[in-house]
Full PDB file with SEQRES, HELIX, SHEET, SSBOND, CRYST1, ORIGX, SCALE, CONECT and MASTER records, all heavy atoms in Angstrom:
SEQRES   1 A   35  ALA TYR ILE TYR ASP GLU LYS VAL ALA HIS ARG ALA VAL          
SEQRES   2 A   35  PHE GLN ASN GLN ARG THR ARG TRP ILE ALA ALA GLN TRP          
SEQRES   3 A   35  GLN PHE ILE LYS PHE TYR PHE TRP LYS                          
HELIX    1 AA1 ARG A   11  TYR A   32  1                                  22    
CRYST1    1.000    1.000    1.000  90.00  90.00  90.00 P 1           1          
ORIGX1      1.000000  0.000000  0.000000        0.00000                         
ORIGX2      0.000000  1.000000  0.000000        0.00000                         
ORIGX3      0.000000  0.000000  1.000000        0.00000                         
SCALE1      1.000000  0.000000  0.000000        0.00000                         
SCALE2      0.000000  1.000000  0.000000        0.00000                         
SCALE3      0.000000  0.000000  1.000000        0.00000                         
ATOM      1  N   ALA A   1      10.050  -9.583 -12.465  1.00  0.00           N  
ATOM      2  CA  ALA A   1       9.947  -8.577 -13.604  1.00  0.00           C  
ATOM      3  C   ALA A   1       9.415  -7.304 -12.962  1.00  0.00           C  
ATOM      4  O   ALA A   1       8.256  -7.015 -12.895  1.00  0.00           O  
ATOM      5  CB  ALA A   1       8.990  -9.114 -14.687  1.00  0.00           C  
ATOM      6  N   TYR A   2      10.374  -6.432 -12.574  1.00  0.00           N  
ATOM      7  CA  TYR A   2      10.016  -5.273 -11.770  1.00  0.00           C  
ATOM      8  C   TYR A   2       9.691  -4.033 -12.740  1.00  0.00           C  
ATOM      9  O   TYR A   2      10.299  -3.778 -13.715  1.00  0.00           O  
ATOM     10  CB  TYR A   2      11.145  -4.854 -10.944  1.00  0.00           C  
ATOM     11  CG  TYR A   2      11.382  -5.778  -9.766  1.00  0.00           C  
ATOM     12  CD1 TYR A   2      12.401  -6.620  -9.758  1.00  0.00           C  
ATOM     13  CD2 TYR A   2      10.553  -5.743  -8.675  1.00  0.00           C  
ATOM     14  CE1 TYR A   2      12.637  -7.471  -8.635  1.00  0.00           C  
ATOM     15  CE2 TYR A   2      10.723  -6.594  -7.589  1.00  0.00           C  
ATOM     16  CZ  TYR A   2      11.848  -7.478  -7.558  1.00  0.00           C  
ATOM     17  OH  TYR A   2      11.999  -8.335  -6.525  1.00  0.00           O  
ATOM     18  N   ILE A   3       8.657  -3.348 -12.306  1.00  0.00           N  
ATOM     19  CA  ILE A   3       8.272  -2.062 -12.954  1.00  0.00           C  
ATOM     20  C   ILE A   3       8.019  -1.102 -11.787  1.00  0.00           C  
ATOM     21  O   ILE A   3       7.316  -1.426 -10.859  1.00  0.00           O  
ATOM     22  CB  ILE A   3       7.092  -2.177 -13.857  1.00  0.00           C  
ATOM     23  CG1 ILE A   3       6.842  -0.864 -14.587  1.00  0.00           C  
ATOM     24  CG2 ILE A   3       5.900  -2.662 -13.188  1.00  0.00           C  
ATOM     25  CD1 ILE A   3       5.939  -0.964 -15.743  1.00  0.00           C  
ATOM     26  N   TYR A   4       8.633   0.069 -11.823  1.00  0.00           N  
ATOM     27  CA  TYR A   4       8.709   1.000 -10.687  1.00  0.00           C  
ATOM     28  C   TYR A   4       7.583   2.084 -10.839  1.00  0.00           C  
ATOM     29  O   TYR A   4       7.561   2.734 -11.942  1.00  0.00           O  
ATOM     30  CB  TYR A   4      10.092   1.557 -10.475  1.00  0.00           C  
ATOM     31  CG  TYR A   4      11.108   0.528 -10.198  1.00  0.00           C  
ATOM     32  CD1 TYR A   4      11.916   0.016 -11.250  1.00  0.00           C  
ATOM     33  CD2 TYR A   4      11.227  -0.019  -8.913  1.00  0.00           C  
ATOM     34  CE1 TYR A   4      12.804  -1.021 -11.014  1.00  0.00           C  
ATOM     35  CE2 TYR A   4      12.145  -1.048  -8.690  1.00  0.00           C  
ATOM     36  CZ  TYR A   4      12.943  -1.524  -9.722  1.00  0.00           C  
ATOM     37  OH  TYR A   4      13.832  -2.567  -9.467  1.00  0.00           O  
ATOM     38  N   ASP A   5       6.827   2.257  -9.858  1.00  0.00           N  
ATOM     39  CA  ASP A   5       5.639   3.177  -9.989  1.00  0.00           C  
ATOM     40  C   ASP A   5       5.735   4.256  -8.840  1.00  0.00           C  
ATOM     41  O   ASP A   5       6.137   3.951  -7.768  1.00  0.00           O  
ATOM     42  CB  ASP A   5       4.424   2.296  -9.674  1.00  0.00           C  
ATOM     43  CG  ASP A   5       3.111   3.094  -9.684  1.00  0.00           C  
ATOM     44  OD1 ASP A   5       2.751   3.711 -10.698  1.00  0.00           O  
ATOM     45  OD2 ASP A   5       2.421   3.106  -8.593  1.00  0.00           O  
ATOM     46  N   GLU A   6       5.311   5.402  -9.255  1.00  0.00           N  
ATOM     47  CA  GLU A   6       5.267   6.521  -8.254  1.00  0.00           C  
ATOM     48  C   GLU A   6       4.035   6.327  -7.373  1.00  0.00           C  
ATOM     49  O   GLU A   6       2.941   6.348  -7.879  1.00  0.00           O  
ATOM     50  CB  GLU A   6       5.238   7.885  -9.002  1.00  0.00           C  
ATOM     51  CG  GLU A   6       5.215   9.070  -8.016  1.00  0.00           C  
ATOM     52  CD  GLU A   6       5.050  10.350  -8.747  1.00  0.00           C  
ATOM     53  OE1 GLU A   6       5.330  10.461  -9.923  1.00  0.00           O  
ATOM     54  OE2 GLU A   6       4.495  11.290  -8.043  1.00  0.00           O  
ATOM     55  N   LYS A   7       4.265   6.184  -6.080  1.00  0.00           N  
ATOM     56  CA  LYS A   7       3.200   6.073  -5.161  1.00  0.00           C  
ATOM     57  C   LYS A   7       2.686   7.489  -4.718  1.00  0.00           C  
ATOM     58  O   LYS A   7       3.410   8.431  -4.710  1.00  0.00           O  
ATOM     59  CB  LYS A   7       3.602   5.274  -3.888  1.00  0.00           C  
ATOM     60  CG  LYS A   7       4.283   3.962  -4.121  1.00  0.00           C  
ATOM     61  CD  LYS A   7       3.700   3.159  -5.293  1.00  0.00           C  
ATOM     62  CE  LYS A   7       2.338   2.733  -5.019  1.00  0.00           C  
ATOM     63  NZ  LYS A   7       1.688   1.885  -6.133  1.00  0.00           N  
ATOM     64  N   VAL A   8       1.372   7.525  -4.338  1.00  0.00           N  
ATOM     65  CA  VAL A   8       0.766   8.857  -3.878  1.00  0.00           C  
ATOM     66  C   VAL A   8       1.462   9.271  -2.631  1.00  0.00           C  
ATOM     67  O   VAL A   8       1.768   8.464  -1.773  1.00  0.00           O  
ATOM     68  CB  VAL A   8      -0.702   8.726  -3.747  1.00  0.00           C  
ATOM     69  CG1 VAL A   8      -1.423   8.405  -5.048  1.00  0.00           C  
ATOM     70  CG2 VAL A   8      -1.006   7.626  -2.669  1.00  0.00           C  
ATOM     71  N   ALA A   9       1.890  10.561  -2.620  1.00  0.00           N  
ATOM     72  CA  ALA A   9       2.645  11.065  -1.508  1.00  0.00           C  
ATOM     73  C   ALA A   9       1.829  11.929  -0.515  1.00  0.00           C  
ATOM     74  O   ALA A   9       2.318  12.207   0.621  1.00  0.00           O  
ATOM     75  CB  ALA A   9       3.848  11.968  -2.022  1.00  0.00           C  
ATOM     76  N   HIS A  10       0.529  12.167  -0.847  1.00  0.00           N  
ATOM     77  CA  HIS A  10      -0.235  13.084  -0.003  1.00  0.00           C  
ATOM     78  C   HIS A  10      -1.616  12.457   0.258  1.00  0.00           C  
ATOM     79  O   HIS A  10      -2.184  11.760  -0.609  1.00  0.00           O  
ATOM     80  CB  HIS A  10      -0.360  14.460  -0.616  1.00  0.00           C  
ATOM     81  CG  HIS A  10       0.991  15.136  -0.908  1.00  0.00           C  
ATOM     82  ND1 HIS A  10       1.768  15.553   0.135  1.00  0.00           N  
ATOM     83  CD2 HIS A  10       1.669  15.294  -2.022  1.00  0.00           C  
ATOM     84  CE1 HIS A  10       2.898  16.022  -0.367  1.00  0.00           C  
ATOM     85  NE2 HIS A  10       2.899  15.949  -1.696  1.00  0.00           N  
ATOM     86  N   ARG A  11      -2.171  12.763   1.381  1.00  0.00           N  
ATOM     87  CA  ARG A  11      -3.452  12.202   1.781  1.00  0.00           C  
ATOM     88  C   ARG A  11      -4.564  12.483   0.822  1.00  0.00           C  
ATOM     89  O   ARG A  11      -5.427  11.701   0.450  1.00  0.00           O  
ATOM     90  CB  ARG A  11      -3.800  12.587   3.107  1.00  0.00           C  
ATOM     91  CG  ARG A  11      -4.995  11.825   3.756  1.00  0.00           C  
ATOM     92  CD  ARG A  11      -5.289  12.233   5.137  1.00  0.00           C  
ATOM     93  NE  ARG A  11      -5.833  13.600   5.205  1.00  0.00           N  
ATOM     94  CZ  ARG A  11      -6.347  14.187   6.301  1.00  0.00           C  
ATOM     95  NH1 ARG A  11      -6.298  13.554   7.388  1.00  0.00           N  
ATOM     96  NH2 ARG A  11      -6.805  15.444   6.248  1.00  0.00           N  
ATOM     97  N   ALA A  12      -4.623  13.715   0.335  1.00  0.00           N  
ATOM     98  CA  ALA A  12      -5.642  14.231  -0.626  1.00  0.00           C  
ATOM     99  C   ALA A  12      -5.682  13.348  -1.889  1.00  0.00           C  
ATOM    100  O   ALA A  12      -6.706  12.952  -2.414  1.00  0.00           O  
ATOM    101  CB  ALA A  12      -5.562  15.710  -0.882  1.00  0.00           C  
ATOM    102  N   VAL A  13      -4.486  13.100  -2.449  1.00  0.00           N  
ATOM    103  CA  VAL A  13      -4.295  12.360  -3.598  1.00  0.00           C  
ATOM    104  C   VAL A  13      -4.755  10.876  -3.380  1.00  0.00           C  
ATOM    105  O   VAL A  13      -5.375  10.265  -4.190  1.00  0.00           O  
ATOM    106  CB  VAL A  13      -2.925  12.420  -4.205  1.00  0.00           C  
ATOM    107  CG1 VAL A  13      -2.771  11.615  -5.476  1.00  0.00           C  
ATOM    108  CG2 VAL A  13      -2.522  13.855  -4.478  1.00  0.00           C  
ATOM    109  N   PHE A  14      -4.310  10.378  -2.205  1.00  0.00           N  
ATOM    110  CA  PHE A  14      -4.709   8.986  -1.753  1.00  0.00           C  
ATOM    111  C   PHE A  14      -6.234   8.884  -1.757  1.00  0.00           C  
ATOM    112  O   PHE A  14      -6.805   7.925  -2.223  1.00  0.00           O  
ATOM    113  CB  PHE A  14      -4.068   8.737  -0.404  1.00  0.00           C  
ATOM    114  CG  PHE A  14      -4.553   7.394   0.229  1.00  0.00           C  
ATOM    115  CD1 PHE A  14      -3.835   6.309  -0.003  1.00  0.00           C  
ATOM    116  CD2 PHE A  14      -5.696   7.426   1.019  1.00  0.00           C  
ATOM    117  CE1 PHE A  14      -4.272   5.077   0.571  1.00  0.00           C  
ATOM    118  CE2 PHE A  14      -6.159   6.196   1.578  1.00  0.00           C  
ATOM    119  CZ  PHE A  14      -5.419   4.976   1.366  1.00  0.00           C  
ATOM    120  N   GLN A  15      -6.888   9.887  -1.159  1.00  0.00           N  
ATOM    121  CA  GLN A  15      -8.305   9.814  -1.044  1.00  0.00           C  
ATOM    122  C   GLN A  15      -8.974   9.807  -2.489  1.00  0.00           C  
ATOM    123  O   GLN A  15      -9.878   9.175  -2.694  1.00  0.00           O  
ATOM    124  CB  GLN A  15      -8.829  10.989  -0.225  1.00  0.00           C  
ATOM    125  CG  GLN A  15     -10.339  11.000  -0.025  1.00  0.00           C  
ATOM    126  CD  GLN A  15     -10.829  12.104   0.904  1.00  0.00           C  
ATOM    127  OE1 GLN A  15     -10.151  12.304   2.024  1.00  0.00           O  
ATOM    128  NE2 GLN A  15     -11.851  12.834   0.516  1.00  0.00           N  
ATOM    129  N   ASN A  16      -8.461  10.693  -3.359  1.00  0.00           N  
ATOM    130  CA  ASN A  16      -8.959  10.781  -4.708  1.00  0.00           C  
ATOM    131  C   ASN A  16      -8.834   9.502  -5.471  1.00  0.00           C  
ATOM    132  O   ASN A  16      -9.726   8.965  -6.127  1.00  0.00           O  
ATOM    133  CB  ASN A  16      -8.239  11.969  -5.399  1.00  0.00           C  
ATOM    134  CG  ASN A  16      -8.750  12.129  -6.814  1.00  0.00           C  
ATOM    135  OD1 ASN A  16      -9.955  12.714  -6.975  1.00  0.00           O  
ATOM    136  ND2 ASN A  16      -8.019  11.772  -7.766  1.00  0.00           N  
ATOM    137  N   GLN A  17      -7.599   8.879  -5.289  1.00  0.00           N  
ATOM    138  CA  GLN A  17      -7.338   7.597  -6.025  1.00  0.00           C  
ATOM    139  C   GLN A  17      -8.212   6.548  -5.495  1.00  0.00           C  
ATOM    140  O   GLN A  17      -8.749   5.714  -6.207  1.00  0.00           O  
ATOM    141  CB  GLN A  17      -5.835   7.247  -5.888  1.00  0.00           C  
ATOM    142  CG  GLN A  17      -5.421   6.038  -6.564  1.00  0.00           C  
ATOM    143  CD  GLN A  17      -4.016   5.629  -6.071  1.00  0.00           C  
ATOM    144  OE1 GLN A  17      -3.755   5.271  -4.991  1.00  0.00           O  
ATOM    145  NE2 GLN A  17      -3.106   5.715  -7.102  1.00  0.00           N  
ATOM    146  N   ARG A  18      -8.369   6.391  -4.152  1.00  0.00           N  
ATOM    147  CA  ARG A  18      -9.234   5.358  -3.600  1.00  0.00           C  
ATOM    148  C   ARG A  18     -10.779   5.510  -4.001  1.00  0.00           C  
ATOM    149  O   ARG A  18     -11.417   4.556  -4.112  1.00  0.00           O  
ATOM    150  CB  ARG A  18      -9.060   5.282  -2.159  1.00  0.00           C  
ATOM    151  CG  ARG A  18      -8.040   4.283  -1.571  1.00  0.00           C  
ATOM    152  CD  ARG A  18      -6.697   4.338  -2.263  1.00  0.00           C  
ATOM    153  NE  ARG A  18      -5.750   3.342  -1.785  1.00  0.00           N  
ATOM    154  CZ  ARG A  18      -4.488   3.276  -2.140  1.00  0.00           C  
ATOM    155  NH1 ARG A  18      -4.022   4.190  -2.993  1.00  0.00           N  
ATOM    156  NH2 ARG A  18      -3.706   2.319  -1.694  1.00  0.00           N  
ATOM    157  N   THR A  19     -11.154   6.792  -4.123  1.00  0.00           N  
ATOM    158  CA  THR A  19     -12.520   7.061  -4.545  1.00  0.00           C  
ATOM    159  C   THR A  19     -12.747   6.374  -5.874  1.00  0.00           C  
ATOM    160  O   THR A  19     -13.763   5.745  -6.186  1.00  0.00           O  
ATOM    161  CB  THR A  19     -12.794   8.547  -4.593  1.00  0.00           C  
ATOM    162  OG1 THR A  19     -12.623   9.102  -3.308  1.00  0.00           O  
ATOM    163  CG2 THR A  19     -14.258   8.873  -5.121  1.00  0.00           C  
ATOM    164  N   ARG A  20     -11.827   6.630  -6.791  1.00  0.00           N  
ATOM    165  CA  ARG A  20     -11.874   6.042  -8.144  1.00  0.00           C  
ATOM    166  C   ARG A  20     -11.873   4.561  -8.135  1.00  0.00           C  
ATOM    167  O   ARG A  20     -12.658   3.826  -8.747  1.00  0.00           O  
ATOM    168  CB  ARG A  20     -10.714   6.521  -9.091  1.00  0.00           C  
ATOM    169  CG  ARG A  20     -10.765   6.149 -10.426  1.00  0.00           C  
ATOM    170  CD  ARG A  20      -9.625   6.631 -11.241  1.00  0.00           C  
ATOM    171  NE  ARG A  20      -8.433   5.840 -11.090  1.00  0.00           N  
ATOM    172  CZ  ARG A  20      -7.255   6.350 -10.664  1.00  0.00           C  
ATOM    173  NH1 ARG A  20      -7.202   7.618 -10.335  1.00  0.00           N  
ATOM    174  NH2 ARG A  20      -6.295   5.567 -10.543  1.00  0.00           N  
ATOM    175  N   TRP A  21     -10.976   3.955  -7.248  1.00  0.00           N  
ATOM    176  CA  TRP A  21     -10.881   2.469  -7.226  1.00  0.00           C  
ATOM    177  C   TRP A  21     -12.224   1.878  -6.585  1.00  0.00           C  
ATOM    178  O   TRP A  21     -12.660   0.834  -7.113  1.00  0.00           O  
ATOM    179  CB  TRP A  21      -9.652   2.042  -6.334  1.00  0.00           C  
ATOM    180  CG  TRP A  21      -8.344   2.372  -7.010  1.00  0.00           C  
ATOM    181  CD1 TRP A  21      -8.136   2.888  -8.231  1.00  0.00           C  
ATOM    182  CD2 TRP A  21      -7.018   2.147  -6.452  1.00  0.00           C  
ATOM    183  NE1 TRP A  21      -6.831   2.996  -8.430  1.00  0.00           N  
ATOM    184  CE2 TRP A  21      -6.111   2.585  -7.400  1.00  0.00           C  
ATOM    185  CE3 TRP A  21      -6.654   1.568  -5.249  1.00  0.00           C  
ATOM    186  CZ2 TRP A  21      -4.759   2.463  -7.194  1.00  0.00           C  
ATOM    187  CZ3 TRP A  21      -5.272   1.459  -5.044  1.00  0.00           C  
ATOM    188  CH2 TRP A  21      -4.368   1.933  -5.978  1.00  0.00           C  
ATOM    189  N   ILE A  22     -12.739   2.528  -5.580  1.00  0.00           N  
ATOM    190  CA  ILE A  22     -13.964   1.938  -4.972  1.00  0.00           C  
ATOM    191  C   ILE A  22     -15.071   1.937  -5.863  1.00  0.00           C  
ATOM    192  O   ILE A  22     -15.892   1.065  -6.034  1.00  0.00           O  
ATOM    193  CB  ILE A  22     -14.287   2.711  -3.728  1.00  0.00           C  
ATOM    194  CG1 ILE A  22     -13.114   2.469  -2.652  1.00  0.00           C  
ATOM    195  CG2 ILE A  22     -15.626   2.235  -3.088  1.00  0.00           C  
ATOM    196  CD1 ILE A  22     -13.298   3.475  -1.442  1.00  0.00           C  
ATOM    197  N   ALA A  23     -15.216   3.113  -6.724  1.00  0.00           N  
ATOM    198  CA  ALA A  23     -16.253   3.243  -7.599  1.00  0.00           C  
ATOM    199  C   ALA A  23     -16.161   2.202  -8.747  1.00  0.00           C  
ATOM    200  O   ALA A  23     -17.158   1.590  -9.125  1.00  0.00           O  
ATOM    201  CB  ALA A  23     -16.304   4.637  -8.232  1.00  0.00           C  
ATOM    202  N   ALA A  24     -14.970   1.995  -9.134  1.00  0.00           N  
ATOM    203  CA  ALA A  24     -14.709   0.992 -10.194  1.00  0.00           C  
ATOM    204  C   ALA A  24     -15.005  -0.454  -9.725  1.00  0.00           C  
ATOM    205  O   ALA A  24     -15.659  -1.215 -10.425  1.00  0.00           O  
ATOM    206  CB  ALA A  24     -13.308   1.022 -10.642  1.00  0.00           C  
ATOM    207  N   GLN A  25     -14.728  -0.664  -8.474  1.00  0.00           N  
ATOM    208  CA  GLN A  25     -15.044  -2.029  -7.888  1.00  0.00           C  
ATOM    209  C   GLN A  25     -16.554  -2.174  -7.768  1.00  0.00           C  
ATOM    210  O   GLN A  25     -17.046  -3.312  -8.046  1.00  0.00           O  
ATOM    211  CB  GLN A  25     -14.401  -2.235  -6.529  1.00  0.00           C  
ATOM    212  CG  GLN A  25     -14.592  -3.567  -5.879  1.00  0.00           C  
ATOM    213  CD  GLN A  25     -13.736  -3.810  -4.653  1.00  0.00           C  
ATOM    214  OE1 GLN A  25     -12.982  -2.973  -4.245  1.00  0.00           O  
ATOM    215  NE2 GLN A  25     -13.920  -4.975  -4.018  1.00  0.00           N  
ATOM    216  N   TRP A  26     -17.211  -1.154  -7.383  1.00  0.00           N  
ATOM    217  CA  TRP A  26     -18.715  -1.306  -7.239  1.00  0.00           C  
ATOM    218  C   TRP A  26     -19.374  -1.485  -8.642  1.00  0.00           C  
ATOM    219  O   TRP A  26     -20.205  -2.315  -8.817  1.00  0.00           O  
ATOM    220  CB  TRP A  26     -19.241   0.038  -6.638  1.00  0.00           C  
ATOM    221  CG  TRP A  26     -20.724   0.052  -6.605  1.00  0.00           C  
ATOM    222  CD1 TRP A  26     -21.558   0.773  -7.416  1.00  0.00           C  
ATOM    223  CD2 TRP A  26     -21.595  -0.628  -5.709  1.00  0.00           C  
ATOM    224  NE1 TRP A  26     -22.916   0.533  -7.001  1.00  0.00           N  
ATOM    225  CE2 TRP A  26     -22.927  -0.367  -5.994  1.00  0.00           C  
ATOM    226  CE3 TRP A  26     -21.356  -1.547  -4.657  1.00  0.00           C  
ATOM    227  CZ2 TRP A  26     -24.034  -0.880  -5.299  1.00  0.00           C  
ATOM    228  CZ3 TRP A  26     -22.385  -2.082  -3.920  1.00  0.00           C  
ATOM    229  CH2 TRP A  26     -23.693  -1.756  -4.298  1.00  0.00           C  
ATOM    230  N   GLN A  27     -18.885  -0.787  -9.677  1.00  0.00           N  
ATOM    231  CA  GLN A  27     -19.372  -0.930 -10.987  1.00  0.00           C  
ATOM    232  C   GLN A  27     -19.056  -2.347 -11.524  1.00  0.00           C  
ATOM    233  O   GLN A  27     -19.892  -2.907 -12.201  1.00  0.00           O  
ATOM    234  CB  GLN A  27     -18.807   0.174 -11.915  1.00  0.00           C  
ATOM    235  CG  GLN A  27     -19.268   1.543 -11.672  1.00  0.00           C  
ATOM    236  CD  GLN A  27     -18.657   2.631 -12.516  1.00  0.00           C  
ATOM    237  OE1 GLN A  27     -17.379   2.592 -12.721  1.00  0.00           O  
ATOM    238  NE2 GLN A  27     -19.449   3.441 -13.108  1.00  0.00           N  
ATOM    239  N   PHE A  28     -17.909  -2.801 -11.193  1.00  0.00           N  
ATOM    240  CA  PHE A  28     -17.549  -4.201 -11.643  1.00  0.00           C  
ATOM    241  C   PHE A  28     -18.372  -5.213 -11.018  1.00  0.00           C  
ATOM    242  O   PHE A  28     -18.896  -6.097 -11.749  1.00  0.00           O  
ATOM    243  CB  PHE A  28     -16.022  -4.450 -11.226  1.00  0.00           C  
ATOM    244  CG  PHE A  28     -15.557  -5.794 -11.628  1.00  0.00           C  
ATOM    245  CD1 PHE A  28     -15.112  -6.063 -12.885  1.00  0.00           C  
ATOM    246  CD2 PHE A  28     -15.605  -6.874 -10.753  1.00  0.00           C  
ATOM    247  CE1 PHE A  28     -14.663  -7.339 -13.261  1.00  0.00           C  
ATOM    248  CE2 PHE A  28     -15.299  -8.095 -11.058  1.00  0.00           C  
ATOM    249  CZ  PHE A  28     -14.746  -8.360 -12.290  1.00  0.00           C  
ATOM    250  N   ILE A  29     -18.691  -5.090  -9.758  1.00  0.00           N  
ATOM    251  CA  ILE A  29     -19.554  -6.058  -9.090  1.00  0.00           C  
ATOM    252  C   ILE A  29     -20.986  -6.032  -9.774  1.00  0.00           C  
ATOM    253  O   ILE A  29     -21.545  -7.023  -9.995  1.00  0.00           O  
ATOM    254  CB  ILE A  29     -19.696  -5.787  -7.622  1.00  0.00           C  
ATOM    255  CG1 ILE A  29     -18.325  -6.044  -6.893  1.00  0.00           C  
ATOM    256  CG2 ILE A  29     -20.781  -6.576  -6.899  1.00  0.00           C  
ATOM    257  CD1 ILE A  29     -18.265  -5.517  -5.494  1.00  0.00           C  
ATOM    258  N   LYS A  30     -21.391  -4.824 -10.070  1.00  0.00           N  
ATOM    259  CA  LYS A  30     -22.677  -4.705 -10.622  1.00  0.00           C  
ATOM    260  C   LYS A  30     -22.870  -5.362 -11.971  1.00  0.00           C  
ATOM    261  O   LYS A  30     -23.915  -6.051 -12.323  1.00  0.00           O  
ATOM    262  CB  LYS A  30     -23.006  -3.223 -10.810  1.00  0.00           C  
ATOM    263  CG  LYS A  30     -24.345  -2.859 -11.524  1.00  0.00           C  
ATOM    264  CD  LYS A  30     -24.508  -1.337 -11.661  1.00  0.00           C  
ATOM    265  CE  LYS A  30     -25.786  -1.010 -12.443  1.00  0.00           C  
ATOM    266  NZ  LYS A  30     -25.905   0.513 -12.676  1.00  0.00           N  
ATOM    267  N   PHE A  31     -21.843  -5.317 -12.788  1.00  0.00           N  
ATOM    268  CA  PHE A  31     -21.934  -5.844 -14.076  1.00  0.00           C  
ATOM    269  C   PHE A  31     -21.514  -7.406 -14.137  1.00  0.00           C  
ATOM    270  O   PHE A  31     -21.946  -8.106 -15.048  1.00  0.00           O  
ATOM    271  CB  PHE A  31     -21.056  -5.085 -15.095  1.00  0.00           C  
ATOM    272  CG  PHE A  31     -21.704  -3.737 -15.482  1.00  0.00           C  
ATOM    273  CD1 PHE A  31     -21.216  -2.623 -14.969  1.00  0.00           C  
ATOM    274  CD2 PHE A  31     -22.738  -3.718 -16.405  1.00  0.00           C  
ATOM    275  CE1 PHE A  31     -21.768  -1.400 -15.334  1.00  0.00           C  
ATOM    276  CE2 PHE A  31     -23.390  -2.538 -16.733  1.00  0.00           C  
ATOM    277  CZ  PHE A  31     -22.833  -1.389 -16.294  1.00  0.00           C  
ATOM    278  N   TYR A  32     -20.635  -7.795 -13.217  1.00  0.00           N  
ATOM    279  CA  TYR A  32     -20.024  -9.096 -13.449  1.00  0.00           C  
ATOM    280  C   TYR A  32     -20.300 -10.162 -12.254  1.00  0.00           C  
ATOM    281  O   TYR A  32     -19.966 -11.344 -12.489  1.00  0.00           O  
ATOM    282  CB  TYR A  32     -18.441  -8.986 -13.573  1.00  0.00           C  
ATOM    283  CG  TYR A  32     -18.066  -8.347 -14.824  1.00  0.00           C  
ATOM    284  CD1 TYR A  32     -17.773  -7.042 -14.960  1.00  0.00           C  
ATOM    285  CD2 TYR A  32     -17.917  -9.154 -16.045  1.00  0.00           C  
ATOM    286  CE1 TYR A  32     -17.389  -6.411 -16.110  1.00  0.00           C  
ATOM    287  CE2 TYR A  32     -17.508  -8.590 -17.164  1.00  0.00           C  
ATOM    288  CZ  TYR A  32     -17.230  -7.283 -17.300  1.00  0.00           C  
ATOM    289  OH  TYR A  32     -16.878  -6.666 -18.467  1.00  0.00           O  
ATOM    290  N   PHE A  33     -20.788  -9.698 -11.212  1.00  0.00           N  
ATOM    291  CA  PHE A  33     -21.048 -10.614 -10.034  1.00  0.00           C  
ATOM    292  C   PHE A  33     -21.850 -11.869 -10.470  1.00  0.00           C  
ATOM    293  O   PHE A  33     -21.505 -13.008 -10.188  1.00  0.00           O  
ATOM    294  CB  PHE A  33     -21.662  -9.950  -8.892  1.00  0.00           C  
ATOM    295  CG  PHE A  33     -21.964 -10.830  -7.711  1.00  0.00           C  
ATOM    296  CD1 PHE A  33     -20.943 -11.249  -6.836  1.00  0.00           C  
ATOM    297  CD2 PHE A  33     -23.195 -11.395  -7.465  1.00  0.00           C  
ATOM    298  CE1 PHE A  33     -21.134 -12.056  -5.838  1.00  0.00           C  
ATOM    299  CE2 PHE A  33     -23.535 -12.226  -6.430  1.00  0.00           C  
ATOM    300  CZ  PHE A  33     -22.421 -12.536  -5.631  1.00  0.00           C  
ATOM    301  N   TRP A  34     -23.034 -11.646 -11.056  1.00  0.00           N  
ATOM    302  CA  TRP A  34     -23.917 -12.894 -11.423  1.00  0.00           C  
ATOM    303  C   TRP A  34     -23.261 -13.674 -12.454  1.00  0.00           C  
ATOM    304  O   TRP A  34     -23.556 -14.918 -12.596  1.00  0.00           O  
ATOM    305  CB  TRP A  34     -25.230 -12.341 -11.826  1.00  0.00           C  
ATOM    306  CG  TRP A  34     -25.984 -11.745 -10.602  1.00  0.00           C  
ATOM    307  CD1 TRP A  34     -26.260 -10.531 -10.388  1.00  0.00           C  
ATOM    308  CD2 TRP A  34     -26.439 -12.556  -9.367  1.00  0.00           C  
ATOM    309  NE1 TRP A  34     -26.918 -10.368  -9.109  1.00  0.00           N  
ATOM    310  CE2 TRP A  34     -27.021 -11.589  -8.581  1.00  0.00           C  
ATOM    311  CE3 TRP A  34     -26.311 -13.867  -9.080  1.00  0.00           C  
ATOM    312  CZ2 TRP A  34     -27.541 -11.951  -7.368  1.00  0.00           C  
ATOM    313  CZ3 TRP A  34     -26.864 -14.250  -7.850  1.00  0.00           C  
ATOM    314  CH2 TRP A  34     -27.432 -13.312  -6.987  1.00  0.00           C  
ATOM    315  N   LYS A  35     -22.354 -13.087 -13.374  1.00  0.00           N  
ATOM    316  CA  LYS A  35     -21.715 -13.882 -14.395  1.00  0.00           C  
ATOM    317  C   LYS A  35     -20.718 -14.727 -13.634  1.00  0.00           C  
ATOM    318  O   LYS A  35     -20.497 -15.974 -14.032  1.00  0.00           O  
ATOM    319  CB  LYS A  35     -21.010 -12.921 -15.289  1.00  0.00           C  
ATOM    320  CG  LYS A  35     -20.269 -13.641 -16.477  1.00  0.00           C  
ATOM    321  CD  LYS A  35     -19.662 -12.612 -17.445  1.00  0.00           C  
ATOM    322  CE  LYS A  35     -20.757 -11.903 -18.221  1.00  0.00           C  
ATOM    323  NZ  LYS A  35     -20.173 -11.157 -19.366  1.00  0.00           N  
TER     324      LYS A  35                                                      
MASTER        0    0    0    1    0    0    0    6  323    1    0    3          
END                                                                             
């Protein structure tokens, strides 16, 4: 079941996106790890 997504084309956008993902992962661990 394919869905086509626009991938980031530039390093600056890549860095911005990964910053958001890493922060979300850190917050997730903080709230859910012990659960």
